[in-house]
C-alpha atoms as a PDB file:
ATOM      1  CA  UNK A   1    -106.527-228.436  45.344  1.00  0.00           C
ATOM      2  CA  UNK A   2    -109.565-228.609  43.054  1.00  0.00           C
ATOM      3  CA  UNK A   3    -110.934-231.867  41.724  1.00  0.00           C
ATOM      4  CA  UNK A   4    -110.135-232.565  38.093  1.00  0.00           C
ATOM      5  CA  UNK A   5    -112.581-234.009  35.608  1.00  0.00           C
ATOM      6  CA  UNK A   6    -111.029-235.735  32.640  1.00  0.00           C
ATOM      7  CA  UNK A   7    -113.198-236.869  29.738  1.00  0.00           C
ATOM      8  CA  UNK A   8    -111.879-239.870  27.819  1.00  0.00           C
ATOM      9  CA  UNK A   9    -113.310-241.038  24.516  1.00  0.00           C
ATOM     10  CA  UNK A  10    -112.479-244.653  23.717  1.00  0.00           C
ATOM     11  CA  UNK A  11    -113.854-247.847  22.231  1.00  0.00           C
ATOM     12  CA  UNK A  12    -115.465-248.929  25.525  1.00  0.00           C
ATOM     13  CA  UNK A  13    -112.326-248.226  27.596  1.00  0.00           C
ATOM     14  CA  UNK A  14    -108.826-247.135  26.618  1.00  0.00           C
ATOM     15  CA  UNK A  15    -106.296-249.907  26.019  1.00  0.00           C
ATOM     16  CA  UNK A  16    -103.719-248.556  28.444  1.00  0.00           C
ATOM     17  CA  UNK A  17    -104.286-249.231  32.152  1.00  0.00           C
ATOM     18  CA  UNK A  18    -106.241-246.374  33.673  1.00  0.00           C
ATOM     19  CA  UNK A  19    -108.391-246.287  36.784  1.00  0.00           C
ATOM     20  CA  UNK A  20    -111.749-244.533  36.496  1.00  0.00           C
ATOM     21  CA  UNK A  21    -113.947-243.288  39.319  1.00  0.00           C
ATOM     22  CA  UNK A  22    -116.947-243.014  36.992  1.00  0.00           C
ATOM     23  CA  UNK A  23    -117.844-244.681  33.712  1.00  0.00           C
ATOM     24  CA  UNK A  24    -120.971-243.386  31.973  1.00  0.00           C
ATOM     25  CA  UNK A  25    -122.080-245.097  28.768  1.00  0.00           C
ATOM     26  CA  UNK A  26    -125.137-245.156  26.536  1.00  0.00           C
ATOM     27  CA  UNK A  27    -124.401-248.337  24.612  1.00  0.00           C
ATOM     28  CA  UNK A  28    -126.652-250.139  22.127  1.00  0.00           C
ATOM     29  CA  UNK A  29    -128.907-252.482  24.146  1.00  0.00           C
ATOM     30  CA  UNK A  30    -131.884-253.314  21.938  1.00  0.00           C
ATOM     31  CA  UNK A  31    -132.091-256.942  20.772  1.00  0.00           C
ATOM     32  CA  UNK A  32    -131.741-257.188  16.989  1.00  0.00           C
ATOM     33  CA  UNK A  33    -135.159-258.839  16.626  1.00  0.00           C
ATOM     34  CA  UNK A  34    -136.850-255.831  18.303  1.00  0.00           C
ATOM     35  CA  UNK A  35    -135.427-253.206  15.921  1.00  0.00           C
ATOM     36  CA  UNK A  36    -138.225-253.424  13.302  1.00  0.00           C
ATOM     37  CA  UNK A  37    -140.866-252.710  15.973  1.00  0.00           C
ATOM     38  CA  UNK A  38    -139.280-249.556  17.387  1.00  0.00           C
ATOM     39  CA  UNK A  39    -141.151-246.272  17.430  1.00  0.00           C
ATOM     40  CA  UNK A  40    -140.768-244.015  14.409  1.00  0.00           C
ATOM     41  CA  UNK A  41    -138.840-241.477  16.537  1.00  0.00           C
ATOM     42  CA  UNK A  42    -135.868-243.867  16.599  1.00  0.00           C
ATOM     43  CA  UNK A  43    -135.489-244.115  12.827  1.00  0.00           C
ATOM     44  CA  UNK A  44    -133.032-241.191  12.751  1.00  0.00           C
ATOM     45  CA  UNK A  45    -130.572-243.187  14.905  1.00  0.00           C
ATOM     46  CA  UNK A  46    -127.874-245.217  13.140  1.00  0.00           C
ATOM     47  CA  UNK A  47    -128.529-248.959  13.457  1.00  0.00           C
ATOM     48  CA  UNK A  48    -125.176-249.452  15.233  1.00  0.00           C
ATOM     49  CA  UNK A  49    -126.325-247.064  17.981  1.00  0.00           C
ATOM     50  CA  UNK A  50    -129.324-249.283  18.760  1.00  0.00           C
ATOM     51  CA  UNK A  51    -128.515-252.888  17.817  1.00  0.00           C
ATOM     52  CA  UNK A  52    -127.163-254.753  20.854  1.00  0.00           C
ATOM     53  CA  UNK A  53    -127.105-258.170  19.183  1.00  0.00           C
ATOM     54  CA  UNK A  54    -129.345-261.183  19.815  1.00  0.00           C
ATOM     55  CA  UNK A  55    -129.957-260.479  23.528  1.00  0.00           C
ATOM     56  CA  UNK A  56    -129.233-256.747  23.337  1.00  0.00           C
ATOM     57  CA  UNK A  57    -126.199-257.042  25.603  1.00  0.00           C
ATOM     58  CA  UNK A  58    -123.361-257.763  23.157  1.00  0.00           C
ATOM     59  CA  UNK A  59    -121.609-254.406  23.699  1.00  0.00           C
ATOM     60  CA  UNK A  60    -122.671-254.082  27.347  1.00  0.00           C
ATOM     61  CA  UNK A  61    -121.057-257.457  28.120  1.00  0.00           C
ATOM     62  CA  UNK A  62    -117.815-256.319  26.441  1.00  0.00           C
ATOM     63  CA  UNK A  63    -117.689-253.278  28.699  1.00  0.00           C
ATOM     64  CA  UNK A  64    -118.578-255.238  31.832  1.00  0.00           C
ATOM     65  CA  UNK A  65    -115.751-257.654  31.083  1.00  0.00           C
ATOM     66  CA  UNK A  66    -113.223-254.810  31.132  1.00  0.00           C
ATOM     67  CA  UNK A  67    -114.584-252.805  34.066  1.00  0.00           C
ATOM     68  CA  UNK A  68    -112.952-254.835  36.871  1.00  0.00           C
ATOM     69  CA  UNK A  69    -109.470-253.924  35.619  1.00  0.00           C
ATOM     70  CA  UNK A  70    -110.221-250.243  34.979  1.00  0.00           C
ATOM     71  CA  UNK A  71    -112.761-249.116  37.580  1.00  0.00           C
ATOM     72  CA  UNK A  72    -111.406-247.701  40.850  1.00  0.00           C
ATOM     73  CA  UNK A  73    -112.400-249.556  44.012  1.00  0.00           C
ATOM     74  CA  UNK A  74    -115.624-247.829  45.005  1.00  0.00           C
ATOM     75  CA  UNK A  75    -116.009-246.514  41.442  1.00  0.00           C
ATOM     76  CA  UNK A  76    -119.343-246.313  39.690  1.00  0.00           C
ATOM     77  CA  UNK A  77    -120.498-247.415  36.239  1.00  0.00           C
ATOM     78  CA  UNK A  78    -123.794-246.063  34.907  1.00  0.00           C
ATOM     79  CA  UNK A  79    -125.282-247.754  31.838  1.00  0.00           C
ATOM     80  CA  UNK A  80    -128.637-247.497  30.121  1.00  0.00           C
ATOM     81  CA  UNK A  81    -130.229-250.918  29.549  1.00  0.00           C
ATOM     82  CA  UNK A  82    -133.692-252.234  28.764  1.00  0.00           C
ATOM     83  CA  UNK A  83    -136.274-252.698  31.517  1.00  0.00           C
ATOM     84  CA  UNK A  84    -136.064-256.486  31.140  1.00  0.00           C
ATOM     85  CA  UNK A  85    -132.252-256.705  31.088  1.00  0.00           C
ATOM     86  CA  UNK A  86    -131.343-255.921  34.704  1.00  0.00           C
ATOM     87  CA  UNK A  87    -131.004-258.185  37.696  1.00  0.00           C
ATOM     88  CA  UNK A  88    -134.209-258.504  39.661  1.00  0.00           C
ATOM     89  CA  UNK A  89    -134.959-259.820  43.115  1.00  0.00           C
END
């Protein structure tokens, strides 16, 4: 039997219980205060696609709060974040 790939579009994750093996998201992660200093190439992006709130992680934190109930054991979540927003050490 062949593997099946199902693409699901939702506001972070669907409301109904569903287990995912992979979650891939490019969420807004730029702190609001950094928006005016962005390179000119980003000006075509809608503000909502860039503005992650005061620390840049407003939407990322919402997703992370829901992942434990919807990510399969051994599942993987891949998110783009800023270079200074990850865990170090």
